Amino acid sequence: MFAKIIEKVEGYIENRFELIKLEAQEQLNTFIFNTIKVLFLVMIAATVLLLINIALAMYINQLFESRFIGFFFMAGFYAIIFIFVYIYKDSKIINNLITFNPKNATKP
């Protein structure tokens, strides 16, 4: 009688362990899939931003009839943004921009 109870408890423990392993594997697979999806979207966004910046720089070049001034303007623009963020990196506004959470956006 006790042998059957021990067998059932051992079977339960083995099944529970397998279930935990499968759940952990499922969570890992979900995490990996979401990470790859986000990286793909970031790569697309970065490419679009790069092409827009090149087009804007070339447009500025045409306005000033220069081959390089547009690229210098764009580099200066991003240098100013970098300096602003670096100076105010501990500011609450910058931290809120970096850690934006849409779930908290509607809360007062």
PDB file of N, CA and C in Angstrom:
ATOM      1  N   MET A   1       0.811  -1.188   0.000  1.00  0.00           N
ATOM      2  CA  MET A   1       0.000   0.000   0.000  1.00  0.00           C
ATOM      3  C   MET A   1       0.865   1.266   0.000  1.00  0.00           C
ATOM      4  N   PHE A   2       1.887   1.290   0.884  1.00  0.00           N
ATOM      5  CA  PHE A   2       2.773   2.437   0.920  1.00  0.00           C
ATOM      6  C   PHE A   2       3.612   2.525  -0.352  1.00  0.00           C
ATOM      7  N   ALA A   3       3.916   1.405  -0.965  1.00  0.00           N
ATOM      8  CA  ALA A   3       4.698   1.388  -2.194  1.00  0.00           C
ATOM      9  C   ALA A   3       3.930   2.086  -3.313  1.00  0.00           C
ATOM     10  N   LYS A   4       2.612   1.839  -3.381  1.00  0.00           N
ATOM     11  CA  LYS A   4       1.797   2.494  -4.409  1.00  0.00           C
ATOM     12  C   LYS A   4       1.746   4.005  -4.173  1.00  0.00           C
ATOM     13  N   ILE A   5       1.629   4.404  -2.936  1.00  0.00           N
ATOM     14  CA  ILE A   5       1.591   5.835  -2.616  1.00  0.00           C
ATOM     15  C   ILE A   5       2.921   6.486  -2.983  1.00  0.00           C
ATOM     16  N   ILE A   6       4.006   5.818  -2.661  1.00  0.00           N
ATOM     17  CA  ILE A   6       5.339   6.347  -2.983  1.00  0.00           C
ATOM     18  C   ILE A   6       5.517   6.446  -4.491  1.00  0.00           C
ATOM     19  N   GLU A   7       5.048   5.436  -5.237  1.00  0.00           N
ATOM     20  CA  GLU A   7       5.132   5.464  -6.701  1.00  0.00           C
ATOM     21  C   GLU A   7       4.332   6.634  -7.261  1.00  0.00           C
ATOM     22  N   LYS A   8       3.139   6.845  -6.743  1.00  0.00           N
ATOM     23  CA  LYS A   8       2.301   7.936  -7.228  1.00  0.00           C
ATOM     24  C   LYS A   8       2.932   9.301  -6.910  1.00  0.00           C
ATOM     25  N   VAL A   9       3.505   9.424  -5.722  1.00  0.00           N
ATOM     26  CA  VAL A   9       4.165  10.682  -5.358  1.00  0.00           C
ATOM     27  C   VAL A   9       5.377  10.915  -6.265  1.00  0.00           C
ATOM     28  N   GLU A  10       6.166   9.861  -6.518  1.00  0.00           N
ATOM     29  CA  GLU A  10       7.321   9.997  -7.409  1.00  0.00           C
ATOM     30  C   GLU A  10       6.868  10.371  -8.821  1.00  0.00           C
ATOM     31  N   GLY A  11       5.803   9.728  -9.299  1.00  0.00           N
ATOM     32  CA  GLY A  11       5.265  10.061 -10.622  1.00  0.00           C
ATOM     33  C   GLY A  11       4.781  11.502 -10.680  1.00  0.00           C
ATOM     34  N   TYR A  12       4.120  11.942  -9.629  1.00  0.00           N
ATOM     35  CA  TYR A  12       3.645  13.324  -9.563  1.00  0.00           C
ATOM     36  C   TYR A  12       4.811  14.298  -9.597  1.00  0.00           C
ATOM     37  N   ILE A  13       5.852  14.008  -8.843  1.00  0.00           N
ATOM     38  CA  ILE A  13       7.026  14.892  -8.794  1.00  0.00           C
ATOM     39  C   ILE A  13       7.704  14.943 -10.163  1.00  0.00           C
ATOM     40  N   GLU A  14       7.826  13.786 -10.824  1.00  0.00           N
ATOM     41  CA  GLU A  14       8.443  13.764 -12.156  1.00  0.00           C
ATOM     42  C   GLU A  14       7.604  14.553 -13.160  1.00  0.00           C
ATOM     43  N   ASN A  15       6.302  14.379 -13.114  1.00  0.00           N
ATOM     44  CA  ASN A  15       5.420  15.107 -14.027  1.00  0.00           C
ATOM     45  C   ASN A  15       5.471  16.609 -13.756  1.00  0.00           C
ATOM     46  N   ARG A  16       5.500  16.960 -12.493  1.00  0.00           N
ATOM     47  CA  ARG A  16       5.564  18.372 -12.124  1.00  0.00           C
ATOM     48  C   ARG A  16       6.873  18.994 -12.596  1.00  0.00           C
ATOM     49  N   PHE A  17       7.979  18.266 -12.467  1.00  0.00           N
ATOM     50  CA  PHE A  17       9.276  18.743 -12.919  1.00  0.00           C
ATOM     51  C   PHE A  17       9.263  18.937 -14.436  1.00  0.00           C
ATOM     52  N   GLU A  18       8.708  17.995 -15.181  1.00  0.00           N
ATOM     53  CA  GLU A  18       8.608  18.106 -16.640  1.00  0.00           C
ATOM     54  C   GLU A  18       7.757  19.316 -17.025  1.00  0.00           C
ATOM     55  N   LEU A  19       6.662  19.534 -16.300  1.00  0.00           N
ATOM     56  CA  LEU A  19       5.797  20.673 -16.574  1.00  0.00           C
ATOM     57  C   LEU A  19       6.537  21.990 -16.356  1.00  0.00           C
ATOM     58  N   ILE A  20       7.300  22.070 -15.304  1.00  0.00           N
ATOM     59  CA  ILE A  20       8.074  23.275 -15.016  1.00  0.00           C
ATOM     60  C   ILE A  20       9.107  23.517 -16.113  1.00  0.00           C
ATOM     61  N   LYS A  21       9.769  22.446 -16.559  1.00  0.00           N
ATOM     62  CA  LYS A  21      10.748  22.581 -17.646  1.00  0.00           C
ATOM     63  C   LYS A  21      10.082  23.068 -18.920  1.00  0.00           C
ATOM     64  N   LEU A  22       8.923  22.517 -19.256  1.00  0.00           N
ATOM     65  CA  LEU A  22       8.216  22.929 -20.473  1.00  0.00           C
ATOM     66  C   LEU A  22       7.747  24.377 -20.381  1.00  0.00           C
ATOM     67  N   GLU A  23       7.260  24.781 -19.219  1.00  0.00           N
ATOM     68  CA  GLU A  23       6.830  26.168 -19.051  1.00  0.00           C
ATOM     69  C   GLU A  23       8.011  27.127 -19.168  1.00  0.00           C
ATOM     70  N   ALA A  24       9.143  26.758 -18.602  1.00  0.00           N
ATOM     71  CA  ALA A  24      10.342  27.595 -18.697  1.00  0.00           C
ATOM     72  C   ALA A  24      10.800  27.691 -20.145  1.00  0.00           C
ATOM     73  N   GLN A  25      10.761  26.591 -20.857  1.00  0.00           N
ATOM     74  CA  GLN A  25      11.162  26.591 -22.265  1.00  0.00           C
ATOM     75  C   GLN A  25      10.203  27.456 -23.091  1.00  0.00           C
ATOM     76  N   GLU A  26       8.925  27.389 -22.797  1.00  0.00           N
ATOM     77  CA  GLU A  26       7.942  28.209 -23.515  1.00  0.00           C
ATOM     78  C   GLU A  26       8.182  29.698 -23.264  1.00  0.00           C
ATOM     79  N   GLN A  27       8.472  30.056 -22.021  1.00  0.00           N
ATOM     80  CA  GLN A  27       8.753  31.453 -21.698  1.00  0.00           C
ATOM     81  C   GLN A  27      10.029  31.927 -22.385  1.00  0.00           C
ATOM     82  N   LEU A  28      11.037  31.074 -22.425  1.00  0.00           N
ATOM     83  CA  LEU A  28      12.290  31.424 -23.098  1.00  0.00           C
ATOM     84  C   LEU A  28      12.053  31.614 -24.589  1.00  0.00           C
ATOM     85  N   ASN A  29      11.289  30.720 -25.203  1.00  0.00           N
ATOM     86  CA  ASN A  29      10.986  30.851 -26.629  1.00  0.00           C
ATOM     87  C   ASN A  29      10.227  32.138 -26.920  1.00  0.00           C
ATOM     88  N   THR A  30       9.282  32.482 -26.074  1.00  0.00           N
ATOM     89  CA  THR A  30       8.521  33.720 -26.242  1.00  0.00           C
ATOM     90  C   THR A  30       9.442  34.924 -26.116  1.00  0.00           C
ATOM     91  N   PHE A  31      10.327  34.907 -25.132  1.00  0.00           N
ATOM     92  CA  PHE A  31      11.270  36.006 -24.935  1.00  0.00           C
ATOM     93  C   PHE A  31      12.183  36.166 -26.151  1.00  0.00           C
ATOM     94  N   ILE A  32      12.727  35.063 -26.643  1.00  0.00           N
ATOM     95  CA  ILE A  32      13.627  35.115 -27.802  1.00  0.00           C
ATOM     96  C   ILE A  32      12.882  35.644 -29.028  1.00  0.00           C
ATOM     97  N   PHE A  33      11.663  35.159 -29.260  1.00  0.00           N
ATOM     98  CA  PHE A  33      10.882  35.610 -30.399  1.00  0.00           C
ATOM     99  C   PHE A  33      10.595  37.107 -30.306  1.00  0.00           C
ATOM    100  N   ASN A  34      10.193  37.583 -29.143  1.00  0.00           N
ATOM    101  CA  ASN A  34       9.905  39.009 -28.972  1.00  0.00           C
ATOM    102  C   ASN A  34      11.157  39.859 -29.125  1.00  0.00           C
ATOM    103  N   THR A  35      12.285  39.366 -28.640  1.00  0.00           N
ATOM    104  CA  THR A  35      13.547  40.094 -28.772  1.00  0.00           C
ATOM    105  C   THR A  35      13.939  40.223 -30.237  1.00  0.00           C
ATOM    106  N   ILE A  36      13.829  39.141 -30.984  1.00  0.00           N
ATOM    107  CA  ILE A  36      14.155  39.181 -32.412  1.00  0.00           C
ATOM    108  C   ILE A  36      13.214  40.134 -33.143  1.00  0.00           C
ATOM    109  N   LYS A  37      11.938  40.109 -32.784  1.00  0.00           N
ATOM    110  CA  LYS A  37      10.962  40.996 -33.414  1.00  0.00           C
ATOM    111  C   LYS A  37      11.307  42.458 -33.145  1.00  0.00           C
ATOM    112  N   VAL A  38      11.654  42.789 -31.904  1.00  0.00           N
ATOM    113  CA  VAL A  38      12.002  44.165 -31.561  1.00  0.00           C
ATOM    114  C   VAL A  38      13.293  44.585 -32.268  1.00  0.00           C
ATOM    115  N   LEU A  39      14.288  43.712 -32.308  1.00  0.00           N
ATOM    116  CA  LEU A  39      15.537  44.039 -32.995  1.00  0.00           C
ATOM    117  C   LEU A  39      15.303  44.293 -34.483  1.00  0.00           C
ATOM    118  N   PHE A  40      14.439  43.503 -35.094  1.00  0.00           N
ATOM    119  CA  PHE A  40      14.113  43.690 -36.497  1.00  0.00           C
ATOM    120  C   PHE A  40      13.454  45.049 -36.720  1.00  0.00           C
ATOM    121  N   LEU A  41      12.509  45.412 -35.870  1.00  0.00           N
ATOM    122  CA  LEU A  41      11.846  46.707 -35.992  1.00  0.00           C
ATOM    123  C   LEU A  41      12.819  47.860 -35.759  1.00  0.00           C
ATOM    124  N   VAL A  42      13.733  47.698 -34.813  1.00  0.00           N
ATOM    125  CA  VAL A  42      14.735  48.734 -34.557  1.00  0.00           C
ATOM    126  C   VAL A  42      15.655  48.896 -35.769  1.00  0.00           C
ATOM    127  N   MET A  43      16.033  47.780 -36.395  1.00  0.00           N
ATOM    128  CA  MET A  43      16.882  47.864 -37.590  1.00  0.00           C
ATOM    129  C   MET A  43      16.160  48.590 -38.723  1.00  0.00           C
ATOM    130  N   ILE A  44      14.886  48.306 -38.914  1.00  0.00           N
ATOM    131  CA  ILE A  44      14.122  48.983 -39.961  1.00  0.00           C
ATOM    132  C   ILE A  44      14.011  50.474 -39.652  1.00  0.00           C
ATOM    133  N   ALA A  45      13.701  50.809 -38.405  1.00  0.00           N
ATOM    134  CA  ALA A  45      13.575  52.216 -38.014  1.00  0.00           C
ATOM    135  C   ALA A  45      14.906  52.948 -38.181  1.00  0.00           C
ATOM    136  N   ALA A  46      16.005  52.312 -37.822  1.00  0.00           N
ATOM    137  CA  ALA A  46      17.323  52.935 -37.958  1.00  0.00           C
ATOM    138  C   ALA A  46      17.663  53.167 -39.432  1.00  0.00           C
ATOM    139  N   THR A  47      17.321  52.216 -40.277  1.00  0.00           N
ATOM    140  CA  THR A  47      17.574  52.364 -41.708  1.00  0.00           C
ATOM    141  C   THR A  47      16.752  53.506 -42.292  1.00  0.00           C
ATOM    142  N   VAL A  48      15.480  53.578 -41.916  1.00  0.00           N
ATOM    143  CA  VAL A  48      14.627  54.667 -42.394  1.00  0.00           C
ATOM    144  C   VAL A  48      15.165  56.010 -41.919  1.00  0.00           C
ATOM    145  N   LEU A  49      15.530  56.095 -40.655  1.00  0.00           N
ATOM    146  CA  LEU A  49      16.079  57.340 -40.115  1.00  0.00           C
ATOM    147  C   LEU A  49      17.371  57.727 -40.834  1.00  0.00           C
ATOM    148  N   LEU A  50      18.225  56.775 -41.107  1.00  0.00           N
ATOM    149  CA  LEU A  50      19.470  57.044 -41.818  1.00  0.00           C
ATOM    150  C   LEU A  50      19.190  57.587 -43.212  1.00  0.00           C
ATOM    151  N   LEU A  51      18.273  56.955 -43.929  1.00  0.00           N
ATOM    152  CA  LEU A  51      17.968  57.410 -45.284  1.00  0.00           C
ATOM    153  C   LEU A  51      17.318  58.791 -45.291  1.00  0.00           C
ATOM    154  N   ILE A  52      16.462  59.061 -44.329  1.00  0.00           N
ATOM    155  CA  ILE A  52      15.854  60.392 -44.227  1.00  0.00           C
ATOM    156  C   ILE A  52      16.930  61.442 -43.940  1.00  0.00           C
ATOM    157  N   ASN A  53      17.876  61.113 -43.073  1.00  0.00           N
ATOM    158  CA  ASN A  53      18.950  62.052 -42.760  1.00  0.00           C
ATOM    159  C   ASN A  53      19.837  62.316 -43.970  1.00  0.00           C
ATOM    160  N   ILE A  54      20.132  61.293 -44.726  1.00  0.00           N
ATOM    161  CA  ILE A  54      20.944  61.474 -45.934  1.00  0.00           C
ATOM    162  C   ILE A  54      20.187  62.334 -46.939  1.00  0.00           C
ATOM    163  N   ALA A  55      18.883  62.065 -47.118  1.00  0.00           N
ATOM    164  CA  ALA A  55      18.084  62.865 -48.051  1.00  0.00           C
ATOM    165  C   ALA A  55      18.018  64.323 -47.608  1.00  0.00           C
ATOM    166  N   LEU A  56      17.822  64.558 -46.314  1.00  0.00           N
ATOM    167  CA  LEU A  56      17.773  65.928 -45.804  1.00  0.00           C
ATOM    168  C   LEU A  56      19.117  66.631 -45.983  1.00  0.00           C
ATOM    169  N   ALA A  57      20.194  65.931 -45.727  1.00  0.00           N
ATOM    170  CA  ALA A  57      21.526  66.514 -45.911  1.00  0.00           C
ATOM    171  C   ALA A  57      21.766  66.862 -47.378  1.00  0.00           C
ATOM    172  N   MET A  58      21.328  65.995 -48.275  1.00  0.00           N
ATOM    173  CA  MET A  58      21.506  66.281 -49.700  1.00  0.00           C
ATOM    174  C   MET A  58      20.625  67.456 -50.138  1.00  0.00           C
ATOM    175  N   TYR A  59      19.452  67.569 -49.551  1.00  0.00           N
ATOM    176  CA  TYR A  59      18.577  68.704 -49.855  1.00  0.00           C
ATOM    177  C   TYR A  59      19.227  70.011 -49.388  1.00  0.00           C
ATOM    178  N   ILE A  60      19.790  70.008 -48.199  1.00  0.00           N
ATOM    179  CA  ILE A  60      20.497  71.196 -47.692  1.00  0.00           C
ATOM    180  C   ILE A  60      21.689  71.504 -48.580  1.00  0.00           C
ATOM    181  N   ASN A  61      22.369  70.474 -49.054  1.00  0.00           N
ATOM    182  CA  ASN A  61      23.482  70.690 -49.985  1.00  0.00           C
ATOM    183  C   ASN A  61      23.009  71.421 -51.234  1.00  0.00           C
ATOM    184  N   GLN A  62      21.856  71.027 -51.763  1.00  0.00           N
ATOM    185  CA  GLN A  62      21.331  71.695 -52.958  1.00  0.00           C
ATOM    186  C   GLN A  62      20.956  73.140 -52.664  1.00  0.00           C
ATOM    187  N   LEU A  63      20.362  73.381 -51.490  1.00  0.00           N
ATOM    188  CA  LEU A  63      19.983  74.751 -51.141  1.00  0.00           C
ATOM    189  C   LEU A  63      21.184  75.679 -51.075  1.00  0.00           C
ATOM    190  N   PHE A  64      22.283  75.187 -50.527  1.00  0.00           N
ATOM    191  CA  PHE A  64      23.482  76.002 -50.364  1.00  0.00           C
ATOM    192  C   PHE A  64      24.493  75.802 -51.487  1.00  0.00           C
ATOM    193  N   GLU A  65      24.113  75.023 -52.481  1.00  0.00           N
ATOM    194  CA  GLU A  65      24.985  74.734 -53.620  1.00  0.00           C
ATOM    195  C   GLU A  65      26.372  74.286 -53.146  1.00  0.00           C
ATOM    196  N   SER A  66      26.354  73.318 -52.263  1.00  0.00           N
ATOM    197  CA  SER A  66      27.584  72.790 -51.687  1.00  0.00           C
ATOM    198  C   SER A  66      27.521  71.268 -51.735  1.00  0.00           C
ATOM    199  N   ARG A  67      28.663  70.651 -51.585  1.00  0.00           N
ATOM    200  CA  ARG A  67      28.692  69.191 -51.567  1.00  0.00           C
ATOM    201  C   ARG A  67      28.715  68.636 -50.150  1.00  0.00           C
ATOM    202  N   PHE A  68      29.055  69.468 -49.159  1.00  0.00           N
ATOM    203  CA  PHE A  68      29.276  68.957 -47.809  1.00  0.00           C
ATOM    204  C   PHE A  68      28.489  69.658 -46.705  1.00  0.00           C
ATOM    205  N   ILE A  69      28.043  70.883 -46.943  1.00  0.00           N
ATOM    206  CA  ILE A  69      27.464  71.686 -45.859  1.00  0.00           C
ATOM    207  C   ILE A  69      26.238  71.023 -45.234  1.00  0.00           C
ATOM    208  N   GLY A  70      25.436  70.331 -46.024  1.00  0.00           N
ATOM    209  CA  GLY A  70      24.249  69.651 -45.494  1.00  0.00           C
ATOM    210  C   GLY A  70      24.621  68.569 -44.497  1.00  0.00           C
ATOM    211  N   PHE A  71      25.682  67.844 -44.807  1.00  0.00           N
ATOM    212  CA  PHE A  71      26.132  66.794 -43.890  1.00  0.00           C
ATOM    213  C   PHE A  71      26.691  67.397 -42.607  1.00  0.00           C
ATOM    214  N   PHE A  72      27.365  68.551 -42.722  1.00  0.00           N
ATOM    215  CA  PHE A  72      27.851  69.232 -41.529  1.00  0.00           C
ATOM    216  C   PHE A  72      26.686  69.732 -40.679  1.00  0.00           C
ATOM    217  N   PHE A  73      25.637  70.256 -41.329  1.00  0.00           N
ATOM    218  CA  PHE A  73      24.452  70.688 -40.590  1.00  0.00           C
ATOM    219  C   PHE A  73      23.820  69.524 -39.841  1.00  0.00           C
ATOM    220  N   MET A  74      23.681  68.410 -40.505  1.00  0.00           N
ATOM    221  CA  MET A  74      23.066  67.244 -39.861  1.00  0.00           C
ATOM    222  C   MET A  74      23.932  66.741 -38.710  1.00  0.00           C
ATOM    223  N   ALA A  75      25.254  66.704 -38.926  1.00  0.00           N
ATOM    224  CA  ALA A  75      26.154  66.274 -37.849  1.00  0.00           C
ATOM    225  C   ALA A  75      26.074  67.246 -36.672  1.00  0.00           C
ATOM    226  N   GLY A  76      26.016  68.541 -36.965  1.00  0.00           N
ATOM    227  CA  GLY A  76      25.892  69.534 -35.905  1.00  0.00           C
ATOM    228  C   GLY A  76      24.578  69.406 -35.157  1.00  0.00           C
ATOM    229  N   PHE A  77      23.492  69.144 -35.891  1.00  0.00           N
ATOM    230  CA  PHE A  77      22.191  68.948 -35.262  1.00  0.00           C
ATOM    231  C   PHE A  77      22.237  67.800 -34.262  1.00  0.00           C
ATOM    232  N   TYR A  78      22.816  66.670 -34.683  1.00  0.00           N
ATOM    233  CA  TYR A  78      22.894  65.528 -33.777  1.00  0.00           C
ATOM    234  C   TYR A  78      23.906  65.748 -32.659  1.00  0.00           C
ATOM    235  N   ALA A  79      24.932  66.542 -32.915  1.00  0.00           N
ATOM    236  CA  ALA A  79      25.884  66.875 -31.845  1.00  0.00           C
ATOM    237  C   ALA A  79      25.199  67.725 -30.779  1.00  0.00           C
ATOM    238  N   ILE A  80      24.350  68.666 -31.215  1.00  0.00           N
ATOM    239  CA  ILE A  80      23.608  69.495 -30.252  1.00  0.00           C
ATOM    240  C   ILE A  80      22.657  68.633 -29.425  1.00  0.00           C
ATOM    241  N   ILE A  81      21.971  67.715 -30.078  1.00  0.00           N
ATOM    242  CA  ILE A  81      21.075  66.807 -29.342  1.00  0.00           C
ATOM    243  C   ILE A  81      21.874  65.985 -28.331  1.00  0.00           C
ATOM    244  N   PHE A  82      23.033  65.460 -28.762  1.00  0.00           N
ATOM    245  CA  PHE A  82      23.872  64.666 -27.866  1.00  0.00           C
ATOM    246  C   PHE A  82      24.320  65.486 -26.669  1.00  0.00           C
ATOM    247  N   ILE A  83      24.771  66.719 -26.918  1.00  0.00           N
ATOM    248  CA  ILE A  83      25.237  67.576 -25.824  1.00  0.00           C
ATOM    249  C   ILE A  83      24.088  67.880 -24.861  1.00  0.00           C
ATOM    250  N   PHE A  84      22.900  68.182 -25.404  1.00  0.00           N
ATOM    251  CA  PHE A  84      21.737  68.463 -24.575  1.00  0.00           C
ATOM    252  C   PHE A  84      21.399  67.263 -23.687  1.00  0.00           C
ATOM    253  N   VAL A  85      21.372  66.082 -24.285  1.00  0.00           N
ATOM    254  CA  VAL A  85      21.048  64.875 -23.508  1.00  0.00           C
ATOM    255  C   VAL A  85      22.136  64.594 -22.479  1.00  0.00           C
ATOM    256  N   TYR A  86      23.399  64.812 -22.848  1.00  0.00           N
ATOM    257  CA  TYR A  86      24.498  64.561 -21.912  1.00  0.00           C
ATOM    258  C   TYR A  86      24.443  65.516 -20.724  1.00  0.00           C
ATOM    259  N   ILE A  87      24.167  66.788 -20.995  1.00  0.00           N
ATOM    260  CA  ILE A  87      24.117  67.768 -19.910  1.00  0.00           C
ATOM    261  C   ILE A  87      22.946  67.492 -18.976  1.00  0.00           C
ATOM    262  N   TYR A  88      21.799  67.167 -19.550  1.00  0.00           N
ATOM    263  CA  TYR A  88      20.593  66.970 -18.763  1.00  0.00           C
ATOM    264  C   TYR A  88      20.258  65.493 -18.555  1.00  0.00           C
ATOM    265  N   LYS A  89      21.269  64.642 -18.541  1.00  0.00           N
ATOM    266  CA  LYS A  89      21.036  63.191 -18.446  1.00  0.00           C
ATOM    267  C   LYS A  89      20.371  62.783 -17.137  1.00  0.00           C
ATOM    268  N   ASP A  90      20.548  63.549 -16.087  1.00  0.00           N
ATOM    269  CA  ASP A  90      19.912  63.219 -14.813  1.00  0.00           C
ATOM    270  C   ASP A  90      18.574  63.931 -14.631  1.00  0.00           C
ATOM    271  N   SER A  91      18.170  64.660 -15.628  1.00  0.00           N
ATOM    272  CA  SER A  91      16.906  65.395 -15.569  1.00  0.00           C
ATOM    273  C   SER A  91      15.730  64.434 -15.647  1.00  0.00           C
ATOM    274  N   LYS A  92      14.663  64.797 -14.981  1.00  0.00           N
ATOM    275  CA  LYS A  92      13.463  63.958 -14.979  1.00  0.00           C
ATOM    276  C   LYS A  92      12.847  63.875 -16.377  1.00  0.00           C
ATOM    277  N   ILE A  93      12.915  64.948 -17.144  1.00  0.00           N
ATOM    278  CA  ILE A  93      12.344  64.954 -18.498  1.00  0.00           C
ATOM    279  C   ILE A  93      13.060  63.949 -19.380  1.00  0.00           C
ATOM    280  N   ILE A  94      14.385  63.946 -19.355  1.00  0.00           N
ATOM    281  CA  ILE A  94      15.151  63.013 -20.179  1.00  0.00           C
ATOM    282  C   ILE A  94      14.884  61.582 -19.735  1.00  0.00           C
ATOM    283  N   ASN A  95      14.866  61.342 -18.428  1.00  0.00           N
ATOM    284  CA  ASN A  95      14.597  59.990 -17.936  1.00  0.00           C
ATOM    285  C   ASN A  95      13.209  59.518 -18.334  1.00  0.00           C
ATOM    286  N   ASN A  96      12.214  60.418 -18.326  1.00  0.00           N
ATOM    287  CA  ASN A  96      10.877  60.037 -18.758  1.00  0.00           C
ATOM    288  C   ASN A  96      10.833  59.742 -20.247  1.00  0.00           C
ATOM    289  N   LEU A  97      11.601  60.465 -21.046  1.00  0.00           N
ATOM    290  CA  LEU A  97      11.640  60.182 -22.480  1.00  0.00           C
ATOM    291  C   LEU A  97      12.274  58.825 -22.766  1.00  0.00           C
ATOM    292  N   ILE A  98      13.332  58.526 -22.038  1.00  0.00           N
ATOM    293  CA  ILE A  98      14.043  57.275 -22.266  1.00  0.00           C
ATOM    294  C   ILE A  98      13.247  56.077 -21.761  1.00  0.00           C
ATOM    295  N   THR A  99      12.599  56.231 -20.622  1.00  0.00           N
ATOM    296  CA  THR A  99      11.859  55.117 -20.028  1.00  0.00           C
ATOM    297  C   THR A  99      10.358  55.281 -20.212  1.00  0.00           C
ATOM    298  N   PHE A 100       9.939  55.742 -21.372  1.00  0.00           N
ATOM    299  CA  PHE A 100       8.515  55.962 -21.645  1.00  0.00           C
ATOM    300  C   PHE A 100       7.766  54.641 -21.586  1.00  0.00           C
ATOM    301  N   ASN A 101       6.677  54.638 -20.824  1.00  0.00           N
ATOM    302  CA  ASN A 101       5.823  53.463 -20.710  1.00  0.00           C
ATOM    303  C   ASN A 101       4.399  53.879 -21.058  1.00  0.00           C
ATOM    304  N   PRO A 102       3.861  53.410 -22.198  1.00  0.00           N
ATOM    305  CA  PRO A 102       2.518  53.832 -22.603  1.00  0.00           C
ATOM    306  C   PRO A 102       1.449  53.502 -21.572  1.00  0.00           C
ATOM    307  N   LYS A 103       1.651  52.493 -20.762  1.00  0.00           N
ATOM    308  CA  LYS A 103       0.657  52.118 -19.752  1.00  0.00           C
ATOM    309  C   LYS A 103       0.525  53.214 -18.703  1.00  0.00           C
ATOM    310  N   ASN A 104       1.616  53.947 -18.439  1.00  0.00           N
ATOM    311  CA  ASN A 104       1.586  54.995 -17.433  1.00  0.00           C
ATOM    312  C   ASN A 104       1.236  56.360 -18.027  1.00  0.00           C
ATOM    313  N   ALA A 105       1.083  56.444 -19.343  1.00  0.00           N
ATOM    314  CA  ALA A 105       0.860  57.732 -19.995  1.00  0.00           C
ATOM    315  C   ALA A 105      -0.493  58.333 -19.641  1.00  0.00           C
ATOM    316  N   THR A 106      -1.475  57.504 -19.371  1.00  0.00           N
ATOM    317  CA  THR A 106      -2.814  58.008 -19.077  1.00  0.00           C
ATOM    318  C   THR A 106      -3.015  58.305 -17.597  1.00  0.00           C
ATOM    319  N   LYS A 107      -2.088  57.898 -16.763  1.00  0.00           N
ATOM    320  CA  LYS A 107      -2.209  58.140 -15.329  1.00  0.00           C
ATOM    321  C   LYS A 107      -1.826  59.573 -15.011  1.00  0.00           C
ATOM    322  N   PRO A 108      -2.551  60.232 -14.110  1.00  0.00           N
ATOM    323  CA  PRO A 108      -2.227  61.627 -13.759  1.00  0.00           C
ATOM    324  C   PRO A 108      -0.959  61.732 -12.946  1.00  0.00           C
TER     325      PRO A 108
END
